Amino acid sequence: MSGNGMSPEALKRLRNLANFWNPRMEAATSDADLVKVVFDRAKAAAKRAQKNGDPQAMHKLAQELANWAASMERADATRQDRNAA
């Protein structure tokens, strides 16, 4: 184990994932493209987690996205109320 509590194998897996996803994120030419890449990354992570014994992983991801969307919708509604006054 290394000082951060991860085995060398776990660190290698994380490095491999970073090597796979970081170039795709850096290559995104717009925020919309970046969102697509990050969504694909999150979905892949949830699928891996399900495969490795977390049957709720996809549901957890969906809940996180729903919470974020609800927060943005509330903020937008508040801005619209201020603009209408």
N, C-alpha and C. Protein backbone atom coordinates (compact mmCIF):
# COMPACT_ATOMS: atom_id res chain seq x y z
N MET A 1 0.83 -1.19 0.00
CA MET A 1 0.00 0.00 0.00
C MET A 1 0.87 1.25 0.00
N SER A 2 0.38 2.26 -0.68
CA SER A 2 1.11 3.52 -0.69
C SER A 2 0.63 4.38 0.47
N GLY A 3 1.21 5.54 0.64
CA GLY A 3 0.86 6.44 1.73
C GLY A 3 -0.58 6.92 1.69
N ASN A 4 -1.23 6.85 0.52
CA ASN A 4 -2.61 7.31 0.43
C ASN A 4 -3.62 6.18 0.65
N GLY A 5 -3.14 5.00 1.05
CA GLY A 5 -4.02 3.89 1.34
C GLY A 5 -4.45 3.08 0.13
N MET A 6 -3.94 3.38 -1.04
CA MET A 6 -4.31 2.63 -2.24
C MET A 6 -3.19 1.68 -2.62
N SER A 7 -3.62 0.53 -3.09
CA SER A 7 -2.64 -0.45 -3.57
C SER A 7 -2.05 0.05 -4.89
N PRO A 8 -0.90 -0.48 -5.25
CA PRO A 8 -0.32 -0.11 -6.55
C PRO A 8 -1.27 -0.43 -7.71
N GLU A 9 -2.02 -1.53 -7.58
CA GLU A 9 -2.96 -1.90 -8.64
C GLU A 9 -4.08 -0.86 -8.77
N ALA A 10 -4.58 -0.39 -7.62
CA ALA A 10 -5.64 0.63 -7.65
C ALA A 10 -5.12 1.93 -8.25
N LEU A 11 -3.92 2.31 -7.88
CA LEU A 11 -3.31 3.52 -8.45
C LEU A 11 -3.14 3.38 -9.95
N LYS A 12 -2.74 2.20 -10.39
CA LYS A 12 -2.57 1.97 -11.83
C LYS A 12 -3.91 2.09 -12.55
N ARG A 13 -4.97 1.52 -11.96
CA ARG A 13 -6.30 1.64 -12.57
C ARG A 13 -6.72 3.10 -12.68
N LEU A 14 -6.48 3.87 -11.62
CA LEU A 14 -6.84 5.29 -11.67
C LEU A 14 -6.02 6.04 -12.71
N ARG A 15 -4.74 5.72 -12.81
CA ARG A 15 -3.89 6.35 -13.84
C ARG A 15 -4.39 6.00 -15.23
N ASN A 16 -4.75 4.74 -15.43
CA ASN A 16 -5.26 4.33 -16.74
C ASN A 16 -6.57 5.05 -17.07
N LEU A 17 -7.44 5.19 -16.09
CA LEU A 17 -8.69 5.92 -16.33
C LEU A 17 -8.40 7.38 -16.66
N ALA A 18 -7.50 7.98 -15.91
CA ALA A 18 -7.14 9.38 -16.19
C ALA A 18 -6.54 9.52 -17.58
N ASN A 19 -5.68 8.58 -17.94
CA ASN A 19 -5.07 8.62 -19.28
C ASN A 19 -6.11 8.44 -20.38
N PHE A 20 -7.18 7.75 -20.09
CA PHE A 20 -8.25 7.56 -21.06
C PHE A 20 -9.14 8.80 -21.14
N TRP A 21 -9.58 9.32 -19.98
CA TRP A 21 -10.59 10.39 -19.98
C TRP A 21 -10.01 11.80 -20.12
N ASN A 22 -8.87 12.07 -19.53
CA ASN A 22 -8.34 13.45 -19.56
C ASN A 22 -8.13 13.98 -20.97
N PRO A 23 -7.54 13.22 -21.90
CA PRO A 23 -7.39 13.75 -23.25
C PRO A 23 -8.74 14.04 -23.93
N ARG A 24 -9.73 13.21 -23.64
CA ARG A 24 -11.06 13.45 -24.22
C ARG A 24 -11.66 14.74 -23.67
N MET A 25 -11.48 14.95 -22.36
CA MET A 25 -11.99 16.17 -21.75
C MET A 25 -11.25 17.40 -22.30
N GLU A 26 -9.95 17.28 -22.45
CA GLU A 26 -9.15 18.40 -22.96
C GLU A 26 -9.47 18.69 -24.43
N ALA A 27 -9.89 17.67 -25.17
CA ALA A 27 -10.18 17.85 -26.59
C ALA A 27 -11.56 18.45 -26.84
N ALA A 28 -12.38 18.52 -25.82
CA ALA A 28 -13.72 19.09 -26.00
C ALA A 28 -13.59 20.53 -26.49
N THR A 29 -14.35 20.86 -27.52
CA THR A 29 -14.24 22.19 -28.13
C THR A 29 -15.31 23.14 -27.63
N SER A 30 -16.22 22.66 -26.80
CA SER A 30 -17.24 23.53 -26.21
C SER A 30 -17.66 22.94 -24.87
N ASP A 31 -18.34 23.74 -24.09
CA ASP A 31 -18.85 23.23 -22.82
C ASP A 31 -19.83 22.08 -23.05
N ALA A 32 -20.61 22.17 -24.11
CA ALA A 32 -21.57 21.10 -24.41
C ALA A 32 -20.83 19.80 -24.73
N ASP A 33 -19.73 19.87 -25.47
CA ASP A 33 -18.92 18.68 -25.75
C ASP A 33 -18.31 18.13 -24.46
N LEU A 34 -17.85 19.03 -23.61
CA LEU A 34 -17.26 18.61 -22.33
C LEU A 34 -18.30 17.88 -21.48
N VAL A 35 -19.52 18.39 -21.47
CA VAL A 35 -20.59 17.72 -20.71
C VAL A 35 -20.82 16.32 -21.23
N LYS A 36 -20.81 16.15 -22.54
CA LYS A 36 -21.00 14.81 -23.12
C LYS A 36 -19.92 13.85 -22.67
N VAL A 37 -18.67 14.31 -22.68
CA VAL A 37 -17.56 13.45 -22.27
C VAL A 37 -17.67 13.11 -20.79
N VAL A 38 -17.95 14.11 -19.97
CA VAL A 38 -18.02 13.87 -18.53
C VAL A 38 -19.22 12.99 -18.19
N PHE A 39 -20.33 13.16 -18.90
CA PHE A 39 -21.48 12.28 -18.69
C PHE A 39 -21.12 10.84 -19.05
N ASP A 40 -20.43 10.65 -20.17
CA ASP A 40 -20.00 9.31 -20.55
C ASP A 40 -19.07 8.71 -19.49
N ARG A 41 -18.19 9.56 -18.95
CA ARG A 41 -17.28 9.10 -17.90
C ARG A 41 -18.05 8.67 -16.67
N ALA A 42 -19.01 9.48 -16.25
CA ALA A 42 -19.80 9.15 -15.07
C ALA A 42 -20.62 7.88 -15.28
N LYS A 43 -21.20 7.76 -16.47
CA LYS A 43 -21.99 6.57 -16.78
C LYS A 43 -21.11 5.32 -16.78
N ALA A 44 -19.92 5.42 -17.32
CA ALA A 44 -18.99 4.29 -17.33
C ALA A 44 -18.59 3.92 -15.90
N ALA A 45 -18.37 4.92 -15.07
CA ALA A 45 -18.00 4.66 -13.67
C ALA A 45 -19.16 3.97 -12.95
N ALA A 46 -20.38 4.41 -13.21
CA ALA A 46 -21.55 3.79 -12.57
C ALA A 46 -21.72 2.34 -13.04
N LYS A 47 -21.52 2.11 -14.31
CA LYS A 47 -21.61 0.73 -14.83
C LYS A 47 -20.55 -0.16 -14.20
N ARG A 48 -19.32 0.37 -14.07
CA ARG A 48 -18.25 -0.39 -13.43
C ARG A 48 -18.61 -0.70 -11.97
N ALA A 49 -19.16 0.30 -11.29
CA ALA A 49 -19.54 0.11 -9.88
C ALA A 49 -20.63 -0.95 -9.76
N GLN A 50 -21.59 -0.93 -10.67
CA GLN A 50 -22.64 -1.96 -10.65
C GLN A 50 -22.02 -3.34 -10.85
N LYS A 51 -21.15 -3.43 -11.83
CA LYS A 51 -20.49 -4.71 -12.14
C LYS A 51 -19.69 -5.21 -10.94
N ASN A 52 -19.15 -4.28 -10.16
CA ASN A 52 -18.30 -4.63 -9.02
C ASN A 52 -19.08 -4.69 -7.70
N GLY A 53 -20.42 -4.76 -7.79
CA GLY A 53 -21.19 -5.02 -6.58
C GLY A 53 -22.02 -3.89 -6.02
N ASP A 54 -22.12 -2.77 -6.68
CA ASP A 54 -22.97 -1.67 -6.20
C ASP A 54 -24.18 -1.55 -7.13
N PRO A 55 -25.25 -2.29 -6.85
CA PRO A 55 -26.40 -2.29 -7.76
C PRO A 55 -27.11 -0.94 -7.83
N GLN A 56 -26.86 -0.06 -6.88
CA GLN A 56 -27.51 1.24 -6.85
C GLN A 56 -26.71 2.34 -7.54
N ALA A 57 -25.58 2.01 -8.12
CA ALA A 57 -24.68 3.03 -8.66
C ALA A 57 -25.35 3.90 -9.72
N MET A 58 -26.06 3.30 -10.65
CA MET A 58 -26.69 4.10 -11.70
C MET A 58 -27.78 4.99 -11.11
N HIS A 59 -28.50 4.46 -10.14
CA HIS A 59 -29.54 5.25 -9.47
C HIS A 59 -28.90 6.43 -8.72
N LYS A 60 -27.77 6.19 -8.07
CA LYS A 60 -27.06 7.27 -7.37
C LYS A 60 -26.64 8.37 -8.35
N LEU A 61 -26.13 7.97 -9.50
CA LEU A 61 -25.74 8.95 -10.52
C LEU A 61 -26.96 9.75 -10.97
N ALA A 62 -28.06 9.05 -11.23
CA ALA A 62 -29.29 9.74 -11.65
C ALA A 62 -29.74 10.73 -10.59
N GLN A 63 -29.65 10.35 -9.33
CA GLN A 63 -30.07 11.25 -8.25
C GLN A 63 -29.18 12.48 -8.18
N GLU A 64 -27.87 12.28 -8.34
CA GLU A 64 -26.94 13.42 -8.34
C GLU A 64 -27.28 14.40 -9.47
N LEU A 65 -27.54 13.86 -10.65
CA LEU A 65 -27.89 14.71 -11.79
C LEU A 65 -29.21 15.42 -11.55
N ALA A 66 -30.19 14.71 -10.99
CA ALA A 66 -31.49 15.32 -10.71
C ALA A 66 -31.35 16.43 -9.68
N ASN A 67 -30.53 16.21 -8.65
CA ASN A 67 -30.31 17.25 -7.63
C ASN A 67 -29.66 18.48 -8.25
N TRP A 68 -28.67 18.26 -9.11
CA TRP A 68 -27.99 19.39 -9.76
C TRP A 68 -28.98 20.15 -10.64
N ALA A 69 -29.76 19.42 -11.41
CA ALA A 69 -30.74 20.08 -12.30
C ALA A 69 -31.75 20.87 -11.49
N ALA A 70 -32.25 20.30 -10.41
CA ALA A 70 -33.23 21.00 -9.57
C ALA A 70 -32.62 22.28 -8.99
N SER A 71 -31.37 22.21 -8.58
CA SER A 71 -30.69 23.39 -8.05
C SER A 71 -30.57 24.48 -9.11
N MET A 72 -30.19 24.09 -10.32
CA MET A 72 -30.08 25.06 -11.41
C MET A 72 -31.44 25.65 -11.77
N GLU A 73 -32.47 24.81 -11.75
CA GLU A 73 -33.83 25.28 -12.05
C GLU A 73 -34.31 26.28 -11.00
N ARG A 74 -34.02 26.01 -9.73
CA ARG A 74 -34.39 26.96 -8.67
C ARG A 74 -33.66 28.28 -8.86
N ALA A 75 -32.36 28.21 -9.15
CA ALA A 75 -31.58 29.43 -9.35
C ALA A 75 -32.12 30.22 -10.54
N ASP A 76 -32.46 29.54 -11.59
CA ASP A 76 -33.00 30.20 -12.78
C ASP A 76 -34.34 30.84 -12.48
N ALA A 77 -35.20 30.14 -11.76
CA ALA A 77 -36.51 30.68 -11.41
C ALA A 77 -36.37 31.93 -10.54
N THR A 78 -35.42 31.91 -9.62
CA THR A 78 -35.17 33.07 -8.75
C THR A 78 -34.69 34.25 -9.59
N ARG A 79 -33.79 34.00 -10.53
CA ARG A 79 -33.31 35.09 -11.41
C ARG A 79 -34.46 35.66 -12.22
N GLN A 80 -35.32 34.80 -12.73
CA GLN A 80 -36.45 35.27 -13.53
C GLN A 80 -37.39 36.12 -12.70
N ASP A 81 -37.59 35.75 -11.43
CA ASP A 81 -38.43 36.56 -10.53
C ASP A 81 -37.83 37.93 -10.33
N ARG A 82 -36.51 38.00 -10.18
CA ARG A 82 -35.84 39.30 -9.98
C ARG A 82 -35.93 40.14 -11.24
N ASN A 83 -35.81 39.49 -12.39
CA ASN A 83 -35.86 40.23 -13.65
C ASN A 83 -37.25 40.76 -13.94
N ALA A 84 -38.29 40.09 -13.44
CA ALA A 84 -39.66 40.50 -13.70
C ALA A 84 -40.05 41.69 -12.84
N ALA A 85 -39.35 41.91 -11.73
CA ALA A 85 -39.71 43.00 -10.80
C ALA A 85 -39.29 44.34 -11.32
